[in-house]
Amino acid sequence: MERSAGSWHGVELRHLAALEAVARAKSFSAAAESLGYTQSAISGQVTALERIVGVRLFSRLRGSRGVELTEEGRLLLEHASAITARVQAARADILAVQNGHGGVVRVGTFQTASQTLLPGIMRALSGPPNPLRTMLYEDAGIETLIQLVAAGELDVSFVLLPLESEDLATVQILEDPWYLLVRTDHPLAREKTLAIERLGGVPLISLDRVPLTQALVAPRSTRLAEDAILAAGIIPRITLRMNDYRSVRVLVEAGMGCGLVPSLALEPDDCDLVAIPIESRLPPRIVGVAWHRHRQMTGSIARFVEAAQAEAQRRADQALR
């Protein structure tokens, strides 16, 4: 039955939160557990929402206790997600003001960005006349970092571009090209650059290759690189897969193979290994910075983005010398 526009004024944020939780969990009991409420409370919120909007939002899955969104439920969920995202962004902006007008920035990061870009950025932000305190959260999962920024738990985060999230705004910081890491006594060690065809038959040590939907930082970028090798008609000979680039480096030193690594994972002062650039058909990782699209682009977020861009430019200038 069609409802008047006025009846929708009774929609509350708790109704939308329940809708999102049940849609995500596909179960009232699991949604209740995730939010810390009883199942009857979540069921009551959804029932109230259905009464207000005048349509069924969920239907039972046959042969199970699970539920799925109706067509009307899917439409409402899109709007609900946008509304709750704006509320989360507003909360984060208010907290930033309460914490001293942007005197603290909460930063998400992954390993190679932490080890290379962050030190210079933090030095720049901590200096006078207006020092900015940096709180860090490191995680290997891009999806985790995206969720924390979208939820207002992080102000800004390093990411790999492109992103599929509509909640986040991004800016590219740098391109991170791929290298073949070999020992100094390897036959390829004297090569100035390496054509992608030369990777055929080379025993490669790479990172764990997982489904792209898991969106882990290293595996996602590694998958794209390995797919580019396949597209060139070369079947990569992956002999070992590790969880981080430092492990790859150690195994290359031990003579277990050659490492497929991005430039940010290289150790510039390492005398025992040689990093050979791989030609441009191997697409570089695109490192960027992301923040909530509806956050105010002022204060701590703007300062962090500017510092990240300056540090990336400094590294690029240094590489040209």
C-alpha atoms as a PDB file:
ATOM      1  CA  MET A   1       0.000   0.000   0.000  1.00  0.00           C
ATOM      2  CA  GLU A   2       1.373   3.441  -0.934  1.00  0.00           C
ATOM      3  CA  ARG A   3       2.345   5.617   2.002  1.00  0.00           C
ATOM      4  CA  SER A   4       2.254   9.392   2.198  1.00  0.00           C
ATOM      5  CA  ALA A   5       5.554  11.258   2.166  1.00  0.00           C
ATOM      6  CA  GLY A   6       4.867  12.406   5.720  1.00  0.00           C
ATOM      7  CA  SER A   7       4.837   8.864   7.059  1.00  0.00           C
ATOM      8  CA  TRP A   8       8.476   8.469   6.059  1.00  0.00           C
ATOM      9  CA  HIS A   9       9.431  11.058   8.676  1.00  0.00           C
ATOM     10  CA  GLY A  10       9.242   8.225  11.157  1.00  0.00           C
ATOM     11  CA  VAL A  11      12.265   6.488   9.624  1.00  0.00           C
ATOM     12  CA  GLU A  12      15.110   6.510  12.149  1.00  0.00           C
ATOM     13  CA  LEU A  13      18.801   5.758  11.863  1.00  0.00           C
ATOM     14  CA  ARG A  14      18.396   2.656  14.014  1.00  0.00           C
ATOM     15  CA  HIS A  15      15.921   1.309  11.433  1.00  0.00           C
ATOM     16  CA  LEU A  16      18.467   1.821   8.654  1.00  0.00           C
ATOM     17  CA  ALA A  17      21.268   0.305  10.739  1.00  0.00           C
ATOM     18  CA  ALA A  18      19.152  -2.810  11.270  1.00  0.00           C
ATOM     19  CA  LEU A  19      18.363  -2.972   7.551  1.00  0.00           C
ATOM     20  CA  GLU A  20      22.074  -2.819   6.667  1.00  0.00           C
ATOM     21  CA  ALA A  21      23.045  -5.398   9.291  1.00  0.00           C
ATOM     22  CA  VAL A  22      20.429  -7.957   8.224  1.00  0.00           C
ATOM     23  CA  ALA A  23      21.211  -7.425   4.538  1.00  0.00           C
ATOM     24  CA  ARG A  24      24.913  -7.945   5.236  1.00  0.00           C
ATOM     25  CA  ALA A  25      24.471 -11.027   7.450  1.00  0.00           C
ATOM     26  CA  LYS A  26      21.439 -12.490   5.574  1.00  0.00           C
ATOM     27  CA  SER A  27      20.144 -13.490   8.995  1.00  0.00           C
ATOM     28  CA  PHE A  28      18.310 -11.700  11.803  1.00  0.00           C
ATOM     29  CA  SER A  29      20.168 -13.604  14.510  1.00  0.00           C
ATOM     30  CA  ALA A  30      23.598 -12.956  12.983  1.00  0.00           C
ATOM     31  CA  ALA A  31      22.729  -9.280  12.488  1.00  0.00           C
ATOM     32  CA  ALA A  32      21.659  -9.023  16.119  1.00  0.00           C
ATOM     33  CA  GLU A  33      24.920 -10.565  17.268  1.00  0.00           C
ATOM     34  CA  SER A  34      26.992  -8.172  15.140  1.00  0.00           C
ATOM     35  CA  LEU A  35      25.198  -5.131  16.599  1.00  0.00           C
ATOM     36  CA  GLY A  36      25.039  -6.414  20.165  1.00  0.00           C
ATOM     37  CA  TYR A  37      21.230  -6.590  20.346  1.00  0.00           C
ATOM     38  CA  THR A  38      18.695  -9.365  20.750  1.00  0.00           C
ATOM     39  CA  GLN A  39      17.140 -10.935  17.662  1.00  0.00           C
ATOM     40  CA  SER A  40      13.727  -9.664  18.706  1.00  0.00           C
ATOM     41  CA  ALA A  41      15.051  -6.102  18.844  1.00  0.00           C
ATOM     42  CA  ILE A  42      16.453  -6.297  15.300  1.00  0.00           C
ATOM     43  CA  SER A  43      13.272  -7.955  14.024  1.00  0.00           C
ATOM     44  CA  GLY A  44      11.268  -5.175  15.646  1.00  0.00           C
ATOM     45  CA  GLN A  45      13.349  -2.468  13.947  1.00  0.00           C
ATOM     46  CA  VAL A  46      12.905  -4.064  10.529  1.00  0.00           C
ATOM     47  CA  THR A  47       9.181  -4.610  11.101  1.00  0.00           C
ATOM     48  CA  ALA A  48       8.798  -0.955  12.120  1.00  0.00           C
ATOM     49  CA  LEU A  49      10.665   0.145   9.000  1.00  0.00           C
ATOM     50  CA  GLU A  50       8.493  -2.048   6.766  1.00  0.00           C
ATOM     51  CA  ARG A  51       5.384  -0.578   8.377  1.00  0.00           C
ATOM     52  CA  ILE A  52       6.608   2.981   7.771  1.00  0.00           C
ATOM     53  CA  VAL A  53       7.595   2.487   4.121  1.00  0.00           C
ATOM     54  CA  GLY A  54       4.690   0.159   3.361  1.00  0.00           C
ATOM     55  CA  VAL A  55       6.610  -2.706   1.674  1.00  0.00           C
ATOM     56  CA  ARG A  56       8.261  -6.002   2.535  1.00  0.00           C
ATOM     57  CA  LEU A  57      12.027  -5.587   2.708  1.00  0.00           C
ATOM     58  CA  PHE A  58      13.109  -9.200   3.226  1.00  0.00           C
ATOM     59  CA  SER A  59      11.915 -12.603   2.117  1.00  0.00           C
ATOM     60  CA  ARG A  60      12.783 -15.990   3.584  1.00  0.00           C
ATOM     61  CA  LEU A  61      15.233 -18.250   1.758  1.00  0.00           C
ATOM     62  CA  ARG A  62      13.680 -21.626   1.124  1.00  0.00           C
ATOM     63  CA  GLY A  63      15.079 -24.457   3.187  1.00  0.00           C
ATOM     64  CA  SER A  64      17.029 -22.228   5.568  1.00  0.00           C
ATOM     65  CA  ARG A  65      16.668 -19.602   8.258  1.00  0.00           C
ATOM     66  CA  GLY A  66      18.359 -17.033   6.080  1.00  0.00           C
ATOM     67  CA  VAL A  67      16.728 -14.046   4.424  1.00  0.00           C
ATOM     68  CA  GLU A  68      17.348 -11.979   1.312  1.00  0.00           C
ATOM     69  CA  LEU A  69      16.368  -8.499   0.275  1.00  0.00           C
ATOM     70  CA  THR A  70      13.311  -7.963  -1.857  1.00  0.00           C
ATOM     71  CA  GLU A  71      13.591  -5.634  -4.848  1.00  0.00           C
ATOM     72  CA  GLU A  72      12.210  -2.802  -2.700  1.00  0.00           C
ATOM     73  CA  GLY A  73      14.667  -3.737   0.043  1.00  0.00           C
ATOM     74  CA  ARG A  74      17.625  -3.467  -2.324  1.00  0.00           C
ATOM     75  CA  LEU A  75      16.491  -0.028  -3.453  1.00  0.00           C
ATOM     76  CA  LEU A  76      16.067   1.204   0.104  1.00  0.00           C
ATOM     77  CA  LEU A  77      19.444  -0.247   1.131  1.00  0.00           C
ATOM     78  CA  GLU A  78      21.240   1.908  -1.452  1.00  0.00           C
ATOM     79  CA  HIS A  79      19.730   5.040   0.073  1.00  0.00           C
ATOM     80  CA  ALA A  80      20.253   3.777   3.626  1.00  0.00           C
ATOM     81  CA  SER A  81      23.952   3.197   3.007  1.00  0.00           C
ATOM     82  CA  ALA A  82      24.360   6.732   1.658  1.00  0.00           C
ATOM     83  CA  ILE A  83      22.532   8.212   4.665  1.00  0.00           C
ATOM     84  CA  THR A  84      24.523   6.299   7.266  1.00  0.00           C
ATOM     85  CA  ALA A  85      27.767   7.136   5.450  1.00  0.00           C
ATOM     86  CA  ARG A  86      26.955  10.855   5.698  1.00  0.00           C
ATOM     87  CA  VAL A  87      26.186  10.501   9.394  1.00  0.00           C
ATOM     88  CA  GLN A  88      29.485   8.697   9.968  1.00  0.00           C
ATOM     89  CA  ALA A  89      31.322  11.425   8.078  1.00  0.00           C
ATOM     90  CA  ALA A  90      29.616  14.112  10.165  1.00  0.00           C
ATOM     91  CA  ARG A  91      30.576  12.265  13.364  1.00  0.00           C
ATOM     92  CA  ALA A  92      34.210  12.100  12.256  1.00  0.00           C
ATOM     93  CA  ASP A  93      34.251  15.835  11.439  1.00  0.00           C
ATOM     94  CA  ILE A  94      32.758  16.718  14.833  1.00  0.00           C
ATOM     95  CA  LEU A  95      35.316  14.532  16.615  1.00  0.00           C
ATOM     96  CA  ALA A  96      38.112  16.227  14.671  1.00  0.00           C
ATOM     97  CA  VAL A  97      36.923  19.612  15.949  1.00  0.00           C
ATOM     98  CA  GLN A  98      36.603  18.307  19.502  1.00  0.00           C
ATOM     99  CA  ASN A  99      40.158  16.948  19.312  1.00  0.00           C
ATOM    100  CA  GLY A 100      41.568  20.390  18.661  1.00  0.00           C
ATOM    101  CA  HIS A 101      40.589  21.499  15.185  1.00  0.00           C
ATOM    102  CA  GLY A 102      42.414  18.771  13.344  1.00  0.00           C
ATOM    103  CA  GLY A 103      45.375  18.341  15.728  1.00  0.00           C
ATOM    104  CA  VAL A 104      45.291  14.562  15.250  1.00  0.00           C
ATOM    105  CA  VAL A 105      45.026  12.516  12.061  1.00  0.00           C
ATOM    106  CA  ARG A 106      44.182   8.795  12.107  1.00  0.00           C
ATOM    107  CA  VAL A 107      46.001   7.108   9.240  1.00  0.00           C
ATOM    108  CA  GLY A 108      45.515   3.679   7.686  1.00  0.00           C
ATOM    109  CA  THR A 109      48.529   2.152   6.005  1.00  0.00           C
ATOM    110  CA  PHE A 110      50.006  -1.048   4.586  1.00  0.00           C
ATOM    111  CA  GLN A 111      53.515  -2.445   4.966  1.00  0.00           C
ATOM    112  CA  THR A 112      55.427  -0.986   2.037  1.00  0.00           C
ATOM    113  CA  ALA A 113      53.886   2.466   2.514  1.00  0.00           C
ATOM    114  CA  SER A 114      54.703   2.309   6.239  1.00  0.00           C
ATOM    115  CA  GLN A 115      58.339   1.485   5.576  1.00  0.00           C
ATOM    116  CA  THR A 116      58.986   4.067   2.858  1.00  0.00           C
ATOM    117  CA  LEU A 117      56.523   6.965   2.709  1.00  0.00           C
ATOM    118  CA  LEU A 118      55.353   7.371   6.289  1.00  0.00           C
ATOM    119  CA  PRO A 119      58.631   8.388   8.026  1.00  0.00           C
ATOM    120  CA  GLY A 120      59.090  11.479   5.864  1.00  0.00           C
ATOM    121  CA  ILE A 121      55.402  12.380   6.061  1.00  0.00           C
ATOM    122  CA  MET A 122      55.361  12.122   9.846  1.00  0.00           C
ATOM    123  CA  ARG A 123      58.495  14.249  10.178  1.00  0.00           C
ATOM    124  CA  ALA A 124      56.912  16.936   8.009  1.00  0.00           C
ATOM    125  CA  LEU A 125      53.643  16.930   9.966  1.00  0.00           C
ATOM    126  CA  SER A 126      55.205  16.898  13.428  1.00  0.00           C
ATOM    127  CA  GLY A 127      57.322  19.988  12.912  1.00  0.00           C
ATOM    128  CA  PRO A 128      56.523  23.601  13.904  1.00  0.00           C
ATOM    129  CA  PRO A 129      54.629  25.840  13.820  1.00  0.00           C
ATOM    130  CA  ASN A 130      51.516  23.603  13.953  1.00  0.00           C
ATOM    131  CA  PRO A 131      52.531  20.014  14.748  1.00  0.00           C
ATOM    132  CA  LEU A 132      50.001  17.374  13.745  1.00  0.00           C
ATOM    133  CA  ARG A 133      49.936  14.151  15.764  1.00  0.00           C
ATOM    134  CA  THR A 134      49.618  10.970  13.700  1.00  0.00           C
ATOM    135  CA  MET A 135      47.826   7.833  14.915  1.00  0.00           C
ATOM    136  CA  LEU A 136      48.555   4.795  12.746  1.00  0.00           C
ATOM    137  CA  TYR A 137      46.684   1.607  11.917  1.00  0.00           C
ATOM    138  CA  GLU A 138      48.502  -0.893   9.699  1.00  0.00           C
ATOM    139  CA  ASP A 139      46.688  -3.711   7.916  1.00  0.00           C
ATOM    140  CA  ALA A 140      47.436  -5.871   4.896  1.00  0.00           C
ATOM    141  CA  GLY A 141      43.821  -5.700   3.722  1.00  0.00           C
ATOM    142  CA  ILE A 142      42.716  -2.868   1.462  1.00  0.00           C
ATOM    143  CA  GLU A 143      39.087  -3.781   2.150  1.00  0.00           C
ATOM    144  CA  THR A 144      39.638  -3.413   5.904  1.00  0.00           C
ATOM    145  CA  LEU A 145      41.211   0.014   5.456  1.00  0.00           C
ATOM    146  CA  ILE A 146      38.381   1.116   3.149  1.00  0.00           C
ATOM    147  CA  GLN A 147      35.759   0.017   5.656  1.00  0.00           C
ATOM    148  CA  LEU A 148      37.463   1.884   8.491  1.00  0.00           C
ATOM    149  CA  VAL A 149      37.652   5.104   6.474  1.00  0.00           C
ATOM    150  CA  ALA A 150      34.014   4.729   5.368  1.00  0.00           C
ATOM    151  CA  ALA A 151      32.945   4.156   8.985  1.00  0.00           C
ATOM    152  CA  GLY A 152      34.807   7.248  10.210  1.00  0.00           C
ATOM    153  CA  GLU A 153      37.245   5.177  12.274  1.00  0.00           C
ATOM    154  CA  LEU A 154      40.147   6.423  10.139  1.00  0.00           C
ATOM    155  CA  ASP A 155      40.523   9.902   8.680  1.00  0.00           C
ATOM    156  CA  VAL A 156      42.678   8.932   5.730  1.00  0.00           C
ATOM    157  CA  SER A 157      44.426   5.838   4.396  1.00  0.00           C
ATOM    158  CA  PHE A 158      46.978   4.698   1.873  1.00  0.00           C
ATOM    159  CA  VAL A 159      45.314   2.499  -0.757  1.00  0.00           C
ATOM    160  CA  LEU A 160      46.017   0.952  -4.125  1.00  0.00           C
ATOM    161  CA  LEU A 161      44.062   2.488  -6.989  1.00  0.00           C
ATOM    162  CA  PRO A 162      41.576   2.216  -8.520  1.00  0.00           C
ATOM    163  CA  LEU A 163      38.974   1.691  -5.814  1.00  0.00           C
ATOM    164  CA  GLU A 164      35.408   0.575  -6.352  1.00  0.00           C
ATOM    165  CA  SER A 165      34.067   2.273  -3.211  1.00  0.00           C
ATOM    166  CA  GLU A 166      31.710   5.182  -3.893  1.00  0.00           C
ATOM    167  CA  ASP A 167      32.126   6.423  -0.320  1.00  0.00           C
ATOM    168  CA  LEU A 168      35.762   7.445  -0.727  1.00  0.00           C
ATOM    169  CA  ALA A 169      37.539  10.229  -2.551  1.00  0.00           C
ATOM    170  CA  THR A 170      41.092   9.500  -3.678  1.00  0.00           C
ATOM    171  CA  VAL A 171      44.207  11.123  -5.043  1.00  0.00           C
ATOM    172  CA  GLN A 172      47.119   9.353  -6.728  1.00  0.00           C
ATOM    173  CA  ILE A 173      50.422   9.677  -4.883  1.00  0.00           C
ATOM    174  CA  LEU A 174      52.854   7.688  -7.007  1.00  0.00           C
ATOM    175  CA  GLU A 175      53.358   4.842  -9.455  1.00  0.00           C
ATOM    176  CA  ASP A 176      55.164   1.841  -7.979  1.00  0.00           C
ATOM    177  CA  PRO A 177      56.804  -0.153 -10.822  1.00  0.00           C
ATOM    178  CA  TRP A 178      57.821  -3.807 -10.637  1.00  0.00           C
ATOM    179  CA  TYR A 179      61.362  -5.149 -10.387  1.00  0.00           C
ATOM    180  CA  LEU A 180      63.004  -8.542 -10.621  1.00  0.00           C
ATOM    181  CA  LEU A 181      65.113  -9.050  -7.502  1.00  0.00           C
ATOM    182  CA  VAL A 182      68.142 -11.339  -8.042  1.00  0.00           C
ATOM    183  CA  ARG A 183      71.394 -12.184  -6.324  1.00  0.00           C
ATOM    184  CA  THR A 184      74.553 -10.479  -7.569  1.00  0.00           C
ATOM    185  CA  ASP A 185      75.816 -13.811  -8.947  1.00  0.00           C
ATOM    186  CA  HIS A 186      72.654 -14.458 -10.993  1.00  0.00           C
ATOM    187  CA  PRO A 187      73.034 -14.540 -14.828  1.00  0.00           C
ATOM    188  CA  LEU A 188      70.542 -11.657 -15.156  1.00  0.00           C
ATOM    189  CA  ALA A 189      72.245  -9.447 -12.559  1.00  0.00           C
ATOM    190  CA  ARG A 190      73.984  -7.234 -15.169  1.00  0.00           C
ATOM    191  CA  GLU A 191      70.826  -6.470 -17.146  1.00  0.00           C
ATOM    192  CA  LYS A 192      69.849  -2.781 -17.141  1.00  0.00           C
ATOM    193  CA  THR A 193      66.177  -3.528 -17.817  1.00  0.00           C
ATOM    194  CA  LEU A 194      64.232  -6.708 -18.431  1.00  0.00           C
ATOM    195  CA  ALA A 195      61.734  -7.384 -21.208  1.00  0.00           C
ATOM    196  CA  ILE A 196      58.640  -9.144 -19.946  1.00  0.00           C
ATOM    197  CA  GLU A 197      59.426 -12.130 -22.189  1.00  0.00           C
ATOM    198  CA  ARG A 198      62.638 -12.721 -20.233  1.00  0.00           C
ATOM    199  CA  LEU A 199      60.550 -13.766 -17.231  1.00  0.00           C
ATOM    200  CA  GLY A 200      59.676 -17.032 -18.953  1.00  0.00           C
ATOM    201  CA  GLY A 201      61.349 -19.914 -17.130  1.00  0.00           C
ATOM    202  CA  VAL A 202      62.704 -17.712 -14.327  1.00  0.00           C
ATOM    203  CA  PRO A 203      61.870 -19.245 -10.911  1.00  0.00           C
ATOM    204  CA  LEU A 204      59.827 -16.507  -9.237  1.00  0.00           C
ATOM    205  CA  ILE A 205      59.122 -15.922  -5.570  1.00  0.00           C
ATOM    206  CA  SER A 206      55.897 -13.946  -5.267  1.00  0.00           C
ATOM    207  CA  LEU A 207      53.139 -13.203  -2.793  1.00  0.00           C
ATOM    208  CA  ASP A 208      50.095 -15.332  -2.031  1.00  0.00           C
ATOM    209  CA  ARG A 209      47.649 -15.146  -4.935  1.00  0.00           C
ATOM    210  CA  VAL A 210      44.102 -14.972  -3.610  1.00  0.00           C
ATOM    211  CA  PRO A 211      40.753 -14.105  -5.229  1.00  0.00           C
ATOM    212  CA  LEU A 212      40.570 -10.456  -6.261  1.00  0.00           C
ATOM    213  CA  THR A 213      37.365 -10.041  -4.241  1.00  0.00           C
ATOM    214  CA  GLN A 214      39.369 -10.377  -1.018  1.00  0.00           C
ATOM    215  CA  ALA A 215      41.197  -7.192  -2.033  1.00  0.00           C
ATOM    216  CA  LEU A 216      44.354  -7.794  -0.024  1.00  0.00           C
ATOM    217  CA  VAL A 217      47.024  -5.203  -0.765  1.00  0.00           C
ATOM    218  CA  ALA A 218      49.888  -7.338  -2.014  1.00  0.00           C
ATOM    219  CA  PRO A 219      47.942 -10.260  -3.519  1.00  0.00           C
ATOM    220  CA  ARG A 220      45.673  -7.945  -5.516  1.00  0.00           C
ATOM    221  CA  SER A 221      48.566  -6.068  -7.076  1.00  0.00           C
ATOM    222  CA  THR A 222      50.502  -9.304  -7.585  1.00  0.00           C
ATOM    223  CA  ARG A 223      47.526 -10.828  -9.372  1.00  0.00           C
ATOM    224  CA  LEU A 224      47.397  -7.910 -11.803  1.00  0.00           C
ATOM    225  CA  ALA A 225      51.131  -8.229 -12.477  1.00  0.00           C
ATOM    226  CA  GLU A 226      50.951 -11.977 -13.038  1.00  0.00           C
ATOM    227  CA  ASP A 227      47.942 -11.553 -15.320  1.00  0.00           C
ATOM    228  CA  ALA A 228      49.960  -9.078 -17.406  1.00  0.00           C
ATOM    229  CA  ILE A 229      52.732 -11.660 -17.740  1.00  0.00           C
ATOM    230  CA  LEU A 230      50.180 -14.227 -18.893  1.00  0.00           C
ATOM    231  CA  ALA A 231      48.734 -11.712 -21.370  1.00  0.00           C
ATOM    232  CA  ALA A 232      52.216 -11.425 -22.917  1.00  0.00           C
ATOM    233  CA  GLY A 233      52.124 -15.159 -23.629  1.00  0.00           C
ATOM    234  CA  ILE A 234      54.428 -16.107 -20.743  1.00  0.00           C
ATOM    235  CA  ILE A 235      53.441 -18.603 -18.072  1.00  0.00           C
ATOM    236  CA  PRO A 236      55.144 -17.378 -14.870  1.00  0.00           C
ATOM    237  CA  ARG A 237      57.062 -20.091 -13.047  1.00  0.00           C
ATOM    238  CA  ILE A 238      56.055 -19.372  -9.451  1.00  0.00           C
ATOM    239  CA  THR A 239      58.131 -21.599  -7.187  1.00  0.00           C
ATOM    240  CA  LEU A 240      57.290 -20.037  -3.803  1.00  0.00           C
ATOM    241  CA  ARG A 241      54.625 -17.730  -2.403  1.00  0.00           C
ATOM    242  CA  MET A 242      55.139 -15.742   0.773  1.00  0.00           C
ATOM    243  CA  ASN A 243      53.056 -13.365   2.899  1.00  0.00           C
ATOM    244  CA  ASP A 244      55.279 -10.278   2.714  1.00  0.00           C
ATOM    245  CA  TYR A 245      58.063  -8.819   0.615  1.00  0.00           C
ATOM    246  CA  ARG A 246      60.700  -9.083   3.336  1.00  0.00           C
ATOM    247  CA  SER A 247      60.264 -12.857   3.266  1.00  0.00           C
ATOM    248  CA  VAL A 248      60.638 -12.759  -0.525  1.00  0.00           C
ATOM    249  CA  ARG A 249      63.900 -10.843  -0.159  1.00  0.00           C
ATOM    250  CA  VAL A 250      65.321 -13.306   2.393  1.00  0.00           C
ATOM    251  CA  LEU A 251      64.574 -16.281   0.137  1.00  0.00           C
ATOM    252  CA  VAL A 252      66.158 -14.560  -2.865  1.00  0.00           C
ATOM    253  CA  GLU A 253      69.295 -14.039  -0.773  1.00  0.00           C
ATOM    254  CA  ALA A 254      69.220 -17.757   0.062  1.00  0.00           C
ATOM    255  CA  GLY A 255      69.240 -18.612  -3.650  1.00  0.00           C
ATOM    256  CA  MET A 256      65.713 -20.036  -3.737  1.00  0.00           C
ATOM    257  CA  GLY A 257      64.628 -18.001  -6.755  1.00  0.00           C
ATOM    258  CA  CYS A 258      64.096 -14.440  -8.016  1.00  0.00           C
ATOM    259  CA  GLY A 259      61.703 -11.995  -6.387  1.00  0.00           C
ATOM    260  CA  LEU A 260      58.838 -10.199  -8.143  1.00  0.00           C
ATOM    261  CA  VAL A 261      58.607  -7.010  -6.068  1.00  0.00           C
ATOM    262  CA  PRO A 262      57.431  -3.367  -6.420  1.00  0.00           C
ATOM    263  CA  SER A 263      59.895  -0.517  -5.993  1.00  0.00           C
ATOM    264  CA  LEU A 264      58.616   0.422  -2.524  1.00  0.00           C
ATOM    265  CA  ALA A 265      59.644  -3.036  -1.297  1.00  0.00           C
ATOM    266  CA  LEU A 266      63.279  -2.594  -2.329  1.00  0.00           C
ATOM    267  CA  GLU A 267      66.098  -2.046   0.151  1.00  0.00           C
ATOM    268  CA  PRO A 268      68.293   0.690  -1.408  1.00  0.00           C
ATOM    269  CA  ASP A 269      71.413  -0.135   0.635  1.00  0.00           C
ATOM    270  CA  ASP A 270      71.375  -3.889  -0.042  1.00  0.00           C
ATOM    271  CA  CYS A 271      74.708  -4.886  -1.604  1.00  0.00           C
ATOM    272  CA  ASP A 272      73.879  -8.585  -1.967  1.00  0.00           C
ATOM    273  CA  LEU A 273      70.911  -8.215  -4.318  1.00  0.00           C
ATOM    274  CA  VAL A 274      70.253  -6.477  -7.628  1.00  0.00           C
ATOM    275  CA  ALA A 275      66.873  -4.989  -8.590  1.00  0.00           C
ATOM    276  CA  ILE A 276      66.253  -5.024 -12.353  1.00  0.00           C
ATOM    277  CA  PRO A 277      63.433  -2.824 -13.734  1.00  0.00           C
ATOM    278  CA  ILE A 278      60.814  -4.734 -15.728  1.00  0.00           C
ATOM    279  CA  GLU A 279      59.487  -3.048 -18.861  1.00  0.00           C
ATOM    280  CA  SER A 280      56.270  -1.051 -18.794  1.00  0.00           C
ATOM    281  CA  ARG A 281      53.920  -3.795 -20.028  1.00  0.00           C
ATOM    282  CA  LEU A 282      53.909  -4.925 -16.402  1.00  0.00           C
ATOM    283  CA  PRO A 283      51.461  -2.344 -14.959  1.00  0.00           C
ATOM    284  CA  PRO A 284      52.768  -0.550 -11.859  1.00  0.00           C
ATOM    285  CA  ARG A 285      50.948  -0.468  -8.571  1.00  0.00           C
ATOM    286  CA  ILE A 286      49.177   2.882  -8.203  1.00  0.00           C
ATOM    287  CA  VAL A 287      49.541   4.095  -4.631  1.00  0.00           C
ATOM    288  CA  GLY A 288      46.981   6.643  -3.502  1.00  0.00           C
ATOM    289  CA  VAL A 289      45.447   8.256  -0.463  1.00  0.00           C
ATOM    290  CA  ALA A 290      41.730   7.958   0.307  1.00  0.00           C
ATOM    291  CA  TRP A 291      39.365   9.780   2.641  1.00  0.00           C
ATOM    292  CA  HIS A 292      35.601   9.866   3.099  1.00  0.00           C
ATOM    293  CA  ARG A 293      33.967  11.692   0.217  1.00  0.00           C
ATOM    294  CA  HIS A 294      31.707  13.657   2.554  1.00  0.00           C
ATOM    295  CA  ARG A 295      34.371  14.665   5.076  1.00  0.00           C
ATOM    296  CA  GLN A 296      35.449  18.284   5.127  1.00  0.00           C
ATOM    297  CA  MET A 297      38.673  18.443   3.079  1.00  0.00           C
ATOM    298  CA  THR A 298      40.299  20.811   5.531  1.00  0.00           C
ATOM    299  CA  GLY A 299      42.558  20.619   8.559  1.00  0.00           C
ATOM    300  CA  SER A 300      44.312  17.332   9.271  1.00  0.00           C
ATOM    301  CA  ILE A 301      43.117  15.468   6.157  1.00  0.00           C
ATOM    302  CA  ALA A 302      44.267  18.204   3.773  1.00  0.00           C
ATOM    303  CA  ARG A 303      47.613  18.490   5.560  1.00  0.00           C
ATOM    304  CA  PHE A 304      48.208  14.751   5.355  1.00  0.00           C
ATOM    305  CA  VAL A 305      47.359  14.606   1.648  1.00  0.00           C
ATOM    306  CA  GLU A 306      49.680  17.534   0.932  1.00  0.00           C
ATOM    307  CA  ALA A 307      52.494  15.946   2.966  1.00  0.00           C
ATOM    308  CA  ALA A 308      52.017  12.611   1.166  1.00  0.00           C
ATOM    309  CA  GLN A 309      52.177  14.291  -2.234  1.00  0.00           C
ATOM    310  CA  ALA A 310      55.303  16.224  -1.207  1.00  0.00           C
ATOM    311  CA  GLU A 311      57.032  13.076   0.057  1.00  0.00           C
ATOM    312  CA  ALA A 312      56.209  11.191  -3.139  1.00  0.00           C
ATOM    313  CA  GLN A 313      57.601  14.080  -5.212  1.00  0.00           C
ATOM    314  CA  ARG A 314      60.737  14.164  -3.055  1.00  0.00           C
ATOM    315  CA  ARG A 315      61.287  10.448  -3.698  1.00  0.00           C
ATOM    316  CA  ALA A 316      60.729  10.910  -7.432  1.00  0.00           C
ATOM    317  CA  ASP A 317      63.230  13.808  -7.572  1.00  0.00           C
ATOM    318  CA  GLN A 318      65.764  11.775  -5.617  1.00  0.00           C
ATOM    319  CA  ALA A 319      65.400   8.834  -8.025  1.00  0.00           C
ATOM    320  CA  LEU A 320      66.287  11.112 -10.986  1.00  0.00           C
ATOM    321  CA  ARG A 321      69.613  12.203  -9.481  1.00  0.00           C
END
